[in-house]
Amino acid sequence: MSPSRLVALAPGVPGAWEPVPTEKLVSGSPQTRTTLLYANEAERLYVGEWQATPGKWRLSYTEWEYMRILEGRCIVEGDDGSRLEAGPGACFVIEPGFTGTWEVLSDVRKSWVIRE
């Protein structure tokens, strides 16, 4: 019998709160933490939740990420002039090569899927 292709995700253990690295910081004193819920190393595919407190920092993506905002409000701005304001229920993708900023206006919690 082959292994099941259906995977139930158990609640993960939230990681420790960590400050955004100084070299990325634009404003505020934001803290983030990540909860990993699923990892498939062979496929370089990961699923989890992420939380952040207010502040603004620089982003530079090498991975593909789908996300859904569960709580809070944020603004993602690209160096190319793109801008997305998001709150609960908003879903979006950031593709490899994106550079810009992430600003948390009120504590954010999101679910995410990343493919490296």
PDB file of N, CA and C in Angstrom:
ATOM      1  N   MET A   1       0.848  -1.172   0.000  1.00  0.00           N
ATOM      2  CA  MET A   1       0.000   0.000   0.000  1.00  0.00           C
ATOM      3  C   MET A   1       0.901   1.245   0.000  1.00  0.00           C
ATOM      4  N   SER A   2       0.587   2.207  -0.840  1.00  0.00           N
ATOM      5  CA  SER A   2       1.393   3.428  -0.900  1.00  0.00           C
ATOM      6  C   SER A   2       0.971   4.393   0.208  1.00  0.00           C
ATOM      7  N   PRO A   3       1.870   5.308   0.577  1.00  0.00           N
ATOM      8  CA  PRO A   3       1.530   6.266   1.632  1.00  0.00           C
ATOM      9  C   PRO A   3       0.382   7.177   1.200  1.00  0.00           C
ATOM     10  N   SER A   4      -0.390   7.636   2.155  1.00  0.00           N
ATOM     11  CA  SER A   4      -1.516   8.525   1.885  1.00  0.00           C
ATOM     12  C   SER A   4      -1.027   9.839   1.279  1.00  0.00           C
ATOM     13  N   ARG A   5      -1.803  10.394   0.371  1.00  0.00           N
ATOM     14  CA  ARG A   5      -1.506  11.681  -0.243  1.00  0.00           C
ATOM     15  C   ARG A   5      -2.345  12.783   0.399  1.00  0.00           C
ATOM     16  N   LEU A   6      -3.044  12.428   1.490  1.00  0.00           N
ATOM     17  CA  LEU A   6      -3.864  13.386   2.226  1.00  0.00           C
ATOM     18  C   LEU A   6      -3.173  13.644   3.555  1.00  0.00           C
ATOM     19  N   VAL A   7      -2.894  14.915   3.838  1.00  0.00           N
ATOM     20  CA  VAL A   7      -2.152  15.263   5.052  1.00  0.00           C
ATOM     21  C   VAL A   7      -2.978  16.245   5.880  1.00  0.00           C
ATOM     22  N   ALA A   8      -3.395  15.826   7.066  1.00  0.00           N
ATOM     23  CA  ALA A   8      -4.079  16.722   7.993  1.00  0.00           C
ATOM     24  C   ALA A   8      -3.015  17.545   8.717  1.00  0.00           C
ATOM     25  N   LEU A   9      -3.260  18.818   8.851  1.00  0.00           N
ATOM     26  CA  LEU A   9      -2.292  19.698   9.506  1.00  0.00           C
ATOM     27  C   LEU A   9      -2.669  19.890  10.969  1.00  0.00           C
ATOM     28  N   ALA A  10      -1.793  19.481  11.837  1.00  0.00           N
ATOM     29  CA  ALA A  10      -1.995  19.674  13.274  1.00  0.00           C
ATOM     30  C   ALA A  10      -1.576  21.092  13.632  1.00  0.00           C
ATOM     31  N   PRO A  11      -2.132  21.638  14.710  1.00  0.00           N
ATOM     32  CA  PRO A  11      -1.685  22.963  15.135  1.00  0.00           C
ATOM     33  C   PRO A  11      -0.173  22.933  15.384  1.00  0.00           C
ATOM     34  N   GLY A  12       0.495  23.911  14.853  1.00  0.00           N
ATOM     35  CA  GLY A  12       1.940  23.982  15.042  1.00  0.00           C
ATOM     36  C   GLY A  12       2.295  24.698  16.329  1.00  0.00           C
ATOM     37  N   VAL A  13       3.557  24.656  16.645  1.00  0.00           N
ATOM     38  CA  VAL A  13       4.073  25.379  17.807  1.00  0.00           C
ATOM     39  C   VAL A  13       4.642  26.700  17.312  1.00  0.00           C
ATOM     40  N   PRO A  14       4.064  27.825  17.749  1.00  0.00           N
ATOM     41  CA  PRO A  14       4.577  29.113  17.280  1.00  0.00           C
ATOM     42  C   PRO A  14       6.045  29.301  17.656  1.00  0.00           C
ATOM     43  N   GLY A  15       6.795  29.864  16.720  1.00  0.00           N
ATOM     44  CA  GLY A  15       8.182  30.194  16.999  1.00  0.00           C
ATOM     45  C   GLY A  15       8.258  31.386  17.944  1.00  0.00           C
ATOM     46  N   ALA A  16       9.441  31.728  18.341  1.00  0.00           N
ATOM     47  CA  ALA A  16       9.662  32.880  19.219  1.00  0.00           C
ATOM     48  C   ALA A  16       9.475  34.176  18.425  1.00  0.00           C
ATOM     49  N   TRP A  17       9.042  35.203  19.117  1.00  0.00           N
ATOM     50  CA  TRP A  17       8.973  36.532  18.509  1.00  0.00           C
ATOM     51  C   TRP A  17      10.396  36.999  18.256  1.00  0.00           C
ATOM     52  N   GLU A  18      10.620  37.535  17.049  1.00  0.00           N
ATOM     53  CA  GLU A  18      11.947  38.025  16.682  1.00  0.00           C
ATOM     54  C   GLU A  18      11.821  39.405  16.043  1.00  0.00           C
ATOM     55  N   PRO A  19      12.775  40.296  16.321  1.00  0.00           N
ATOM     56  CA  PRO A  19      12.731  41.607  15.671  1.00  0.00           C
ATOM     57  C   PRO A  19      13.096  41.488  14.193  1.00  0.00           C
ATOM     58  N   VAL A  20      12.536  42.380  13.385  1.00  0.00           N
ATOM     59  CA  VAL A  20      12.938  42.459  11.978  1.00  0.00           C
ATOM     60  C   VAL A  20      14.399  42.902  11.969  1.00  0.00           C
ATOM     61  N   PRO A  21      15.255  42.256  11.170  1.00  0.00           N
ATOM     62  CA  PRO A  21      16.670  42.633  11.142  1.00  0.00           C
ATOM     63  C   PRO A  21      16.875  44.121  10.843  1.00  0.00           C
ATOM     64  N   THR A  22      17.786  44.724  11.544  1.00  0.00           N
ATOM     65  CA  THR A  22      18.057  46.164  11.439  1.00  0.00           C
ATOM     66  C   THR A  22      18.307  46.598  10.002  1.00  0.00           C
ATOM     67  N   GLU A  23      19.010  45.779   9.228  1.00  0.00           N
ATOM     68  CA  GLU A  23      19.344  46.166   7.854  1.00  0.00           C
ATOM     69  C   GLU A  23      18.124  46.230   6.938  1.00  0.00           C
ATOM     70  N   LYS A  24      16.995  45.638   7.350  1.00  0.00           N
ATOM     71  CA  LYS A  24      15.753  45.681   6.566  1.00  0.00           C
ATOM     72  C   LYS A  24      14.772  46.728   7.078  1.00  0.00           C
ATOM     73  N   LEU A  25      14.968  47.184   8.302  1.00  0.00           N
ATOM     74  CA  LEU A  25      14.019  48.056   8.993  1.00  0.00           C
ATOM     75  C   LEU A  25      13.901  49.428   8.325  1.00  0.00           C
ATOM     76  N   VAL A  26      12.656  49.863   8.106  1.00  0.00           N
ATOM     77  CA  VAL A  26      12.372  51.199   7.582  1.00  0.00           C
ATOM     78  C   VAL A  26      11.835  52.077   8.700  1.00  0.00           C
ATOM     79  N   SER A  27      10.873  51.541   9.489  1.00  0.00           N
ATOM     80  CA  SER A  27      10.319  52.315  10.605  1.00  0.00           C
ATOM     81  C   SER A  27       9.710  51.386  11.649  1.00  0.00           C
ATOM     82  N   GLY A  28       9.602  51.906  12.873  1.00  0.00           N
ATOM     83  CA  GLY A  28       9.012  51.149  13.963  1.00  0.00           C
ATOM     84  C   GLY A  28       9.965  50.116  14.542  1.00  0.00           C
ATOM     85  N   SER A  29       9.399  49.236  15.357  1.00  0.00           N
ATOM     86  CA  SER A  29      10.150  48.141  15.985  1.00  0.00           C
ATOM     87  C   SER A  29       9.368  46.839  15.819  1.00  0.00           C
ATOM     88  N   PRO A  30       9.078  46.451  14.572  1.00  0.00           N
ATOM     89  CA  PRO A  30       8.232  45.278  14.365  1.00  0.00           C
ATOM     90  C   PRO A  30       8.887  43.977  14.818  1.00  0.00           C
ATOM     91  N   GLN A  31       8.047  43.089  15.288  1.00  0.00           N
ATOM     92  CA  GLN A  31       8.442  41.735  15.692  1.00  0.00           C
ATOM     93  C   GLN A  31       7.626  40.769  14.837  1.00  0.00           C
ATOM     94  N   THR A  32       8.217  39.619  14.499  1.00  0.00           N
ATOM     95  CA  THR A  32       7.503  38.605  13.735  1.00  0.00           C
ATOM     96  C   THR A  32       7.698  37.239  14.374  1.00  0.00           C
ATOM     97  N   ARG A  33       6.771  36.338  14.086  1.00  0.00           N
ATOM     98  CA  ARG A  33       6.963  34.939  14.469  1.00  0.00           C
ATOM     99  C   ARG A  33       6.252  34.057  13.462  1.00  0.00           C
ATOM    100  N   THR A  34       6.807  32.878  13.275  1.00  0.00           N
ATOM    101  CA  THR A  34       6.336  31.946  12.268  1.00  0.00           C
ATOM    102  C   THR A  34       5.969  30.620  12.915  1.00  0.00           C
ATOM    103  N   THR A  35       4.887  30.037  12.442  1.00  0.00           N
ATOM    104  CA  THR A  35       4.467  28.703  12.859  1.00  0.00           C
ATOM    105  C   THR A  35       4.468  27.825  11.613  1.00  0.00           C
ATOM    106  N   LEU A  36       5.350  26.843  11.568  1.00  0.00           N
ATOM    107  CA  LEU A  36       5.413  25.922  10.438  1.00  0.00           C
ATOM    108  C   LEU A  36       4.403  24.797  10.662  1.00  0.00           C
ATOM    109  N   LEU A  37       3.527  24.580   9.670  1.00  0.00           N
ATOM    110  CA  LEU A  37       2.489  23.546   9.774  1.00  0.00           C
ATOM    111  C   LEU A  37       2.754  22.347   8.870  1.00  0.00           C
ATOM    112  N   TYR A  38       3.549  22.549   7.822  1.00  0.00           N
ATOM    113  CA  TYR A  38       3.814  21.479   6.853  1.00  0.00           C
ATOM    114  C   TYR A  38       5.096  21.796   6.106  1.00  0.00           C
ATOM    115  N   ALA A  39       5.908  20.763   5.874  1.00  0.00           N
ATOM    116  CA  ALA A  39       7.122  20.924   5.073  1.00  0.00           C
ATOM    117  C   ALA A  39       7.313  19.698   4.196  1.00  0.00           C
ATOM    118  N   ASN A  40       7.487  19.929   2.915  1.00  0.00           N
ATOM    119  CA  ASN A  40       7.839  18.876   1.970  1.00  0.00           C
ATOM    120  C   ASN A  40       9.160  19.314   1.350  1.00  0.00           C
ATOM    121  N   GLU A  41      10.244  18.885   1.959  1.00  0.00           N
ATOM    122  CA  GLU A  41      11.582  19.314   1.537  1.00  0.00           C
ATOM    123  C   GLU A  41      11.871  18.929   0.090  1.00  0.00           C
ATOM    124  N   ALA A  42      11.444  17.736  -0.326  1.00  0.00           N
ATOM    125  CA  ALA A  42      11.713  17.280  -1.697  1.00  0.00           C
ATOM    126  C   ALA A  42      11.089  18.218  -2.733  1.00  0.00           C
ATOM    127  N   GLU A  43       9.905  18.738  -2.425  1.00  0.00           N
ATOM    128  CA  GLU A  43       9.202  19.644  -3.332  1.00  0.00           C
ATOM    129  C   GLU A  43       9.487  21.115  -3.023  1.00  0.00           C
ATOM    130  N   ARG A  44      10.236  21.361  -1.943  1.00  0.00           N
ATOM    131  CA  ARG A  44      10.544  22.735  -1.486  1.00  0.00           C
ATOM    132  C   ARG A  44       9.243  23.533  -1.279  1.00  0.00           C
ATOM    133  N   LEU A  45       8.284  22.869  -0.595  1.00  0.00           N
ATOM    134  CA  LEU A  45       6.965  23.430  -0.363  1.00  0.00           C
ATOM    135  C   LEU A  45       6.706  23.486   1.137  1.00  0.00           C
ATOM    136  N   TYR A  46       6.225  24.639   1.626  1.00  0.00           N
ATOM    137  CA  TYR A  46       6.040  24.843   3.057  1.00  0.00           C
ATOM    138  C   TYR A  46       4.713  25.576   3.287  1.00  0.00           C
ATOM    139  N   VAL A  47       4.064  25.274   4.421  1.00  0.00           N
ATOM    140  CA  VAL A  47       2.782  25.871   4.782  1.00  0.00           C
ATOM    141  C   VAL A  47       2.855  26.291   6.242  1.00  0.00           C
ATOM    142  N   GLY A  48       2.262  27.437   6.555  1.00  0.00           N
ATOM    143  CA  GLY A  48       2.265  27.850   7.951  1.00  0.00           C
ATOM    144  C   GLY A  48       1.457  29.106   8.193  1.00  0.00           C
ATOM    145  N   GLU A  49       1.679  29.662   9.367  1.00  0.00           N
ATOM    146  CA  GLU A  49       1.082  30.939   9.758  1.00  0.00           C
ATOM    147  C   GLU A  49       2.202  31.870  10.187  1.00  0.00           C
ATOM    148  N   TRP A  50       1.945  33.150  10.080  1.00  0.00           N
ATOM    149  CA  TRP A  50       2.935  34.177  10.397  1.00  0.00           C
ATOM    150  C   TRP A  50       2.225  35.324  11.075  1.00  0.00           C
ATOM    151  N   GLN A  51       2.886  35.943  12.029  1.00  0.00           N
ATOM    152  CA  GLN A  51       2.335  37.090  12.741  1.00  0.00           C
ATOM    153  C   GLN A  51       3.366  38.201  12.763  1.00  0.00           C
ATOM    154  N   ALA A  52       2.886  39.445  12.794  1.00  0.00           N
ATOM    155  CA  ALA A  52       3.792  40.590  12.867  1.00  0.00           C
ATOM    156  C   ALA A  52       3.108  41.739  13.590  1.00  0.00           C
ATOM    157  N   THR A  53       3.925  42.528  14.290  1.00  0.00           N
ATOM    158  CA  THR A  53       3.453  43.731  14.966  1.00  0.00           C
ATOM    159  C   THR A  53       3.769  44.934  14.077  1.00  0.00           C
ATOM    160  N   PRO A  54       3.166  46.098  14.356  1.00  0.00           N
ATOM    161  CA  PRO A  54       3.330  47.262  13.481  1.00  0.00           C
ATOM    162  C   PRO A  54       4.781  47.690  13.252  1.00  0.00           C
ATOM    163  N   GLY A  55       4.996  48.130  12.018  1.00  0.00           N
ATOM    164  CA  GLY A  55       6.290  48.618  11.568  1.00  0.00           C
ATOM    165  C   GLY A  55       6.398  48.442  10.071  1.00  0.00           C
ATOM    166  N   LYS A  56       7.536  48.840   9.503  1.00  0.00           N
ATOM    167  CA  LYS A  56       7.743  48.762   8.058  1.00  0.00           C
ATOM    168  C   LYS A  56       9.159  48.289   7.776  1.00  0.00           C
ATOM    169  N   TRP A  57       9.301  47.393   6.784  1.00  0.00           N
ATOM    170  CA  TRP A  57      10.621  46.870   6.447  1.00  0.00           C
ATOM    171  C   TRP A  57      10.702  46.521   4.965  1.00  0.00           C
ATOM    172  N   ARG A  58      11.924  46.348   4.480  1.00  0.00           N
ATOM    173  CA  ARG A  58      12.201  46.009   3.086  1.00  0.00           C
ATOM    174  C   ARG A  58      12.036  44.511   2.840  1.00  0.00           C
ATOM    175  N   LEU A  59      11.592  44.163   1.632  1.00  0.00           N
ATOM    176  CA  LEU A  59      11.419  42.778   1.191  1.00  0.00           C
ATOM    177  C   LEU A  59      12.211  42.545  -0.087  1.00  0.00           C
ATOM    178  N   SER A  60      12.677  41.331  -0.254  1.00  0.00           N
ATOM    179  CA  SER A  60      13.298  40.900  -1.502  1.00  0.00           C
ATOM    180  C   SER A  60      13.021  39.409  -1.632  1.00  0.00           C
ATOM    181  N   TYR A  61      12.133  39.038  -2.551  1.00  0.00           N
ATOM    182  CA  TYR A  61      11.672  37.657  -2.661  1.00  0.00           C
ATOM    183  C   TYR A  61      12.470  36.845  -3.679  1.00  0.00           C
ATOM    184  N   THR A  62      12.881  35.652  -3.270  1.00  0.00           N
ATOM    185  CA  THR A  62      13.464  34.675  -4.181  1.00  0.00           C
ATOM    186  C   THR A  62      12.520  33.482  -4.319  1.00  0.00           C
ATOM    187  N   GLU A  63      11.496  33.427  -3.488  1.00  0.00           N
ATOM    188  CA  GLU A  63      10.520  32.344  -3.470  1.00  0.00           C
ATOM    189  C   GLU A  63       9.162  32.854  -3.968  1.00  0.00           C
ATOM    190  N   TRP A  64       8.233  31.910  -4.160  1.00  0.00           N
ATOM    191  CA  TRP A  64       6.856  32.198  -4.522  1.00  0.00           C
ATOM    192  C   TRP A  64       6.038  32.006  -3.254  1.00  0.00           C
ATOM    193  N   GLU A  65       5.159  32.987  -2.919  1.00  0.00           N
ATOM    194  CA  GLU A  65       4.345  32.869  -1.705  1.00  0.00           C
ATOM    195  C   GLU A  65       2.902  33.289  -1.951  1.00  0.00           C
ATOM    196  N   TYR A  66       1.978  32.383  -1.589  1.00  0.00           N
ATOM    197  CA  TYR A  66       0.553  32.694  -1.528  1.00  0.00           C
ATOM    198  C   TYR A  66       0.245  33.011  -0.076  1.00  0.00           C
ATOM    199  N   MET A  67      -0.569  34.034   0.171  1.00  0.00           N
ATOM    200  CA  MET A  67      -0.951  34.342   1.549  1.00  0.00           C
ATOM    201  C   MET A  67      -2.395  34.810   1.631  1.00  0.00           C
ATOM    202  N   ARG A  68      -2.976  34.580   2.810  1.00  0.00           N
ATOM    203  CA  ARG A  68      -4.326  35.050   3.129  1.00  0.00           C
ATOM    204  C   ARG A  68      -4.232  35.746   4.478  1.00  0.00           C
ATOM    205  N   ILE A  69      -4.662  36.990   4.516  1.00  0.00           N
ATOM    206  CA  ILE A  69      -4.638  37.752   5.763  1.00  0.00           C
ATOM    207  C   ILE A  69      -5.814  37.294   6.624  1.00  0.00           C
ATOM    208  N   LEU A  70      -5.509  36.872   7.841  1.00  0.00           N
ATOM    209  CA  LEU A  70      -6.534  36.391   8.772  1.00  0.00           C
ATOM    210  C   LEU A  70      -6.962  37.478   9.752  1.00  0.00           C
ATOM    211  N   GLU A  71      -6.005  38.324  10.143  1.00  0.00           N
ATOM    212  CA  GLU A  71      -6.271  39.412  11.100  1.00  0.00           C
ATOM    213  C   GLU A  71      -5.354  40.577  10.774  1.00  0.00           C
ATOM    214  N   GLY A  72      -5.804  41.773  11.108  1.00  0.00           N
ATOM    215  CA  GLY A  72      -4.960  42.951  10.990  1.00  0.00           C
ATOM    216  C   GLY A  72      -4.979  43.594   9.615  1.00  0.00           C
ATOM    217  N   ARG A  73      -4.128  44.620   9.461  1.00  0.00           N
ATOM    218  CA  ARG A  73      -4.049  45.373   8.202  1.00  0.00           C
ATOM    219  C   ARG A  73      -2.586  45.609   7.842  1.00  0.00           C
ATOM    220  N   CYS A  74      -2.316  45.584   6.529  1.00  0.00           N
ATOM    221  CA  CYS A  74      -0.963  45.813   6.052  1.00  0.00           C
ATOM    222  C   CYS A  74      -0.991  46.470   4.676  1.00  0.00           C
ATOM    223  N   ILE A  75       0.158  47.004   4.283  1.00  0.00           N
ATOM    224  CA  ILE A  75       0.356  47.564   2.950  1.00  0.00           C
ATOM    225  C   ILE A  75       1.639  46.959   2.405  1.00  0.00           C
ATOM    226  N   VAL A  76       1.558  46.412   1.199  1.00  0.00           N
ATOM    227  CA  VAL A  76       2.740  45.893   0.513  1.00  0.00           C
ATOM    228  C   VAL A  76       2.946  46.794  -0.706  1.00  0.00           C
ATOM    229  N   GLU A  77       4.136  47.380  -0.816  1.00  0.00           N
ATOM    230  CA  GLU A  77       4.446  48.270  -1.928  1.00  0.00           C
ATOM    231  C   GLU A  77       5.674  47.768  -2.667  1.00  0.00           C
ATOM    232  N   GLY A  78       5.564  47.690  -3.984  1.00  0.00           N
ATOM    233  CA  GLY A  78       6.688  47.262  -4.796  1.00  0.00           C
ATOM    234  C   GLY A  78       7.535  48.437  -5.237  1.00  0.00           C
ATOM    235  N   ASP A  79       8.799  48.186  -5.451  1.00  0.00           N
ATOM    236  CA  ASP A  79       9.683  49.220  -5.978  1.00  0.00           C
ATOM    237  C   ASP A  79       9.252  49.649  -7.375  1.00  0.00           C
ATOM    238  N   ASP A  80       8.412  48.836  -8.028  1.00  0.00           N
ATOM    239  CA  ASP A  80       7.901  49.148  -9.363  1.00  0.00           C
ATOM    240  C   ASP A  80       6.657  50.041  -9.320  1.00  0.00           C
ATOM    241  N   GLY A  81       6.234  50.472  -8.103  1.00  0.00           N
ATOM    242  CA  GLY A  81       5.067  51.331  -7.959  1.00  0.00           C
ATOM    243  C   GLY A  81       3.786  50.583  -7.627  1.00  0.00           C
ATOM    244  N   SER A  82       3.804  49.262  -7.643  1.00  0.00           N
ATOM    245  CA  SER A  82       2.609  48.498  -7.274  1.00  0.00           C
ATOM    246  C   SER A  82       2.330  48.684  -5.779  1.00  0.00           C
ATOM    247  N   ARG A  83       1.053  48.580  -5.415  1.00  0.00           N
ATOM    248  CA  ARG A  83       0.658  48.792  -4.009  1.00  0.00           C
ATOM    249  C   ARG A  83      -0.577  47.957  -3.725  1.00  0.00           C
ATOM    250  N   LEU A  84      -0.576  47.294  -2.577  1.00  0.00           N
ATOM    251  CA  LEU A  84      -1.701  46.471  -2.169  1.00  0.00           C
ATOM    252  C   LEU A  84      -1.974  46.736  -0.699  1.00  0.00           C
ATOM    253  N   GLU A  85      -3.188  47.178  -0.396  1.00  0.00           N
ATOM    254  CA  GLU A  85      -3.626  47.315   0.997  1.00  0.00           C
ATOM    255  C   GLU A  85      -4.460  46.084   1.293  1.00  0.00           C
ATOM    256  N   ALA A  86      -4.175  45.421   2.406  1.00  0.00           N
ATOM    257  CA  ALA A  86      -4.852  44.152   2.685  1.00  0.00           C
ATOM    258  C   ALA A  86      -5.318  44.082   4.133  1.00  0.00           C
ATOM    259  N   GLY A  87      -6.476  43.444   4.299  1.00  0.00           N
ATOM    260  CA  GLY A  87      -7.033  43.187   5.621  1.00  0.00           C
ATOM    261  C   GLY A  87      -7.611  41.789   5.627  1.00  0.00           C
ATOM    262  N   PRO A  88      -8.356  41.435   6.672  1.00  0.00           N
ATOM    263  CA  PRO A  88      -8.895  40.083   6.804  1.00  0.00           C
ATOM    264  C   PRO A  88      -9.631  39.617   5.548  1.00  0.00           C
ATOM    265  N   GLY A  89      -9.257  38.426   5.089  1.00  0.00           N
ATOM    266  CA  GLY A  89      -9.872  37.826   3.910  1.00  0.00           C
ATOM    267  C   GLY A  89      -9.122  38.093   2.614  1.00  0.00           C
ATOM    268  N   ALA A  90      -8.239  39.070   2.598  1.00  0.00           N
ATOM    269  CA  ALA A  90      -7.485  39.362   1.374  1.00  0.00           C
ATOM    270  C   ALA A  90      -6.501  38.239   1.086  1.00  0.00           C
ATOM    271  N   CYS A  91      -6.413  37.851  -0.189  1.00  0.00           N
ATOM    272  CA  CYS A  91      -5.488  36.814  -0.640  1.00  0.00           C
ATOM    273  C   CYS A  91      -4.637  37.393  -1.761  1.00  0.00           C
ATOM    274  N   PHE A  92      -3.362  37.066  -1.769  1.00  0.00           N
ATOM    275  CA  PHE A  92      -2.492  37.528  -2.840  1.00  0.00           C
ATOM    276  C   PHE A  92      -1.248  36.662  -2.915  1.00  0.00           C
ATOM    277  N   VAL A  93      -0.514  36.841  -4.012  1.00  0.00           N
ATOM    278  CA  VAL A  93       0.719  36.109  -4.269  1.00  0.00           C
ATOM    279  C   VAL A  93       1.842  37.117  -4.475  1.00  0.00           C
ATOM    280  N   ILE A  94       3.000  36.826  -3.909  1.00  0.00           N
ATOM    281  CA  ILE A  94       4.217  37.560  -4.219  1.00  0.00           C
ATOM    282  C   ILE A  94       5.122  36.587  -4.951  1.00  0.00           C
ATOM    283  N   GLU A  95       5.590  37.011  -6.116  1.00  0.00           N
ATOM    284  CA  GLU A  95       6.414  36.144  -6.958  1.00  0.00           C
ATOM    285  C   GLU A  95       7.896  36.434  -6.772  1.00  0.00           C
ATOM    286  N   PRO A  96       8.738  35.472  -7.140  1.00  0.00           N
ATOM    287  CA  PRO A  96      10.181  35.691  -7.068  1.00  0.00           C
ATOM    288  C   PRO A  96      10.577  36.936  -7.871  1.00  0.00           C
ATOM    289  N   GLY A  97      11.517  37.687  -7.323  1.00  0.00           N
ATOM    290  CA  GLY A  97      11.981  38.908  -7.973  1.00  0.00           C
ATOM    291  C   GLY A  97      11.334  40.165  -7.428  1.00  0.00           C
ATOM    292  N   PHE A  98      10.260  40.001  -6.618  1.00  0.00           N
ATOM    293  CA  PHE A  98       9.600  41.170  -6.032  1.00  0.00           C
ATOM    294  C   PHE A  98      10.530  41.830  -5.020  1.00  0.00           C
ATOM    295  N   THR A  99      10.636  43.144  -5.100  1.00  0.00           N
ATOM    296  CA  THR A  99      11.332  43.935  -4.084  1.00  0.00           C
ATOM    297  C   THR A  99      10.427  45.096  -3.708  1.00  0.00           C
ATOM    298  N   GLY A 100      10.474  45.478  -2.452  1.00  0.00           N
ATOM    299  CA  GLY A 100       9.635  46.567  -1.984  1.00  0.00           C
ATOM    300  C   GLY A 100       9.589  46.599  -0.474  1.00  0.00           C
ATOM    301  N   THR A 101       8.425  47.008   0.075  1.00  0.00           N
ATOM    302  CA  THR A 101       8.268  47.110   1.524  1.00  0.00           C
ATOM    303  C   THR A 101       6.985  46.433   1.976  1.00  0.00           C
ATOM    304  N   TRP A 102       7.016  45.996   3.227  1.00  0.00           N
ATOM    305  CA  TRP A 102       5.850  45.442   3.920  1.00  0.00           C
ATOM    306  C   TRP A 102       5.635  46.344   5.124  1.00  0.00           C
ATOM    307  N   GLU A 103       4.431  46.909   5.244  1.00  0.00           N
ATOM    308  CA  GLU A 103       4.102  47.752   6.387  1.00  0.00           C
ATOM    309  C   GLU A 103       2.908  47.158   7.115  1.00  0.00           C
ATOM    310  N   VAL A 104       3.077  46.888   8.396  1.00  0.00           N
ATOM    311  CA  VAL A 104       1.999  46.384   9.237  1.00  0.00           C
ATOM    312  C   VAL A 104       1.389  47.578   9.956  1.00  0.00           C
ATOM    313  N   LEU A 105       0.093  47.811   9.720  1.00  0.00           N
ATOM    314  CA  LEU A 105      -0.618  48.926  10.342  1.00  0.00           C
ATOM    315  C   LEU A 105      -1.217  48.533  11.682  1.00  0.00           C
ATOM    316  N   SER A 106      -1.731  47.293  11.758  1.00  0.00           N
ATOM    317  CA  SER A 106      -2.223  46.729  13.022  1.00  0.00           C
ATOM    318  C   SER A 106      -1.833  45.254  13.010  1.00  0.00           C
ATOM    319  N   ASP A 107      -1.597  44.688  14.177  1.00  0.00           N
ATOM    320  CA  ASP A 107      -1.084  43.319  14.284  1.00  0.00           C
ATOM    321  C   ASP A 107      -1.680  42.416  13.209  1.00  0.00           C
ATOM    322  N   VAL A 108      -0.805  41.763  12.449  1.00  0.00           N
ATOM    323  CA  VAL A 108      -1.222  40.917  11.332  1.00  0.00           C
ATOM    324  C   VAL A 108      -0.972  39.451  11.664  1.00  0.00           C
ATOM    325  N   ARG A 109      -1.918  38.627  11.223  1.00  0.00           N
ATOM    326  CA  ARG A 109      -1.739  37.172  11.228  1.00  0.00           C
ATOM    327  C   ARG A 109      -2.167  36.698   9.850  1.00  0.00           C
ATOM    328  N   LYS A 110      -1.323  35.901   9.212  1.00  0.00           N
ATOM    329  CA  LYS A 110      -1.638  35.403   7.876  1.00  0.00           C
ATOM    330  C   LYS A 110      -1.316  33.914   7.797  1.00  0.00           C
ATOM    331  N   SER A 111      -2.022  33.223   6.899  1.00  0.00           N
ATOM    332  CA  SER A 111      -1.631  31.865   6.540  1.00  0.00           C
ATOM    333  C   SER A 111      -0.871  31.986   5.226  1.00  0.00           C
ATOM    334  N   TRP A 112       0.039  31.060   4.995  1.00  0.00           N
ATOM    335  CA  TRP A 112       0.886  31.157   3.806  1.00  0.00           C
ATOM    336  C   TRP A 112       1.280  29.784   3.267  1.00  0.00           C
ATOM    337  N   VAL A 113       1.604  29.777   1.972  1.00  0.00           N
ATOM    338  CA  VAL A 113       2.180  28.626   1.286  1.00  0.00           C
ATOM    339  C   VAL A 113       3.372  29.164   0.509  1.00  0.00           C
ATOM    340  N   ILE A 114       4.542  28.567   0.716  1.00  0.00           N
ATOM    341  CA  ILE A 114       5.758  29.015   0.034  1.00  0.00           C
ATOM    342  C   ILE A 114       6.337  27.869  -0.781  1.00  0.00           C
ATOM    343  N   ARG A 115       6.724  28.180  -2.005  1.00  0.00           N
ATOM    344  CA  ARG A 115       7.497  27.256  -2.837  1.00  0.00           C
ATOM    345  C   ARG A 115       8.813  27.960  -3.161  1.00  0.00           C
ATOM    346  N   GLU A 116       9.903  27.313  -2.741  1.00  0.00           N
ATOM    347  CA  GLU A 116      11.227  27.897  -3.001  1.00  0.00           C
ATOM    348  C   GLU A 116      11.746  27.465  -4.354  1.00  0.00           C
TER     349      GLU A 116
END
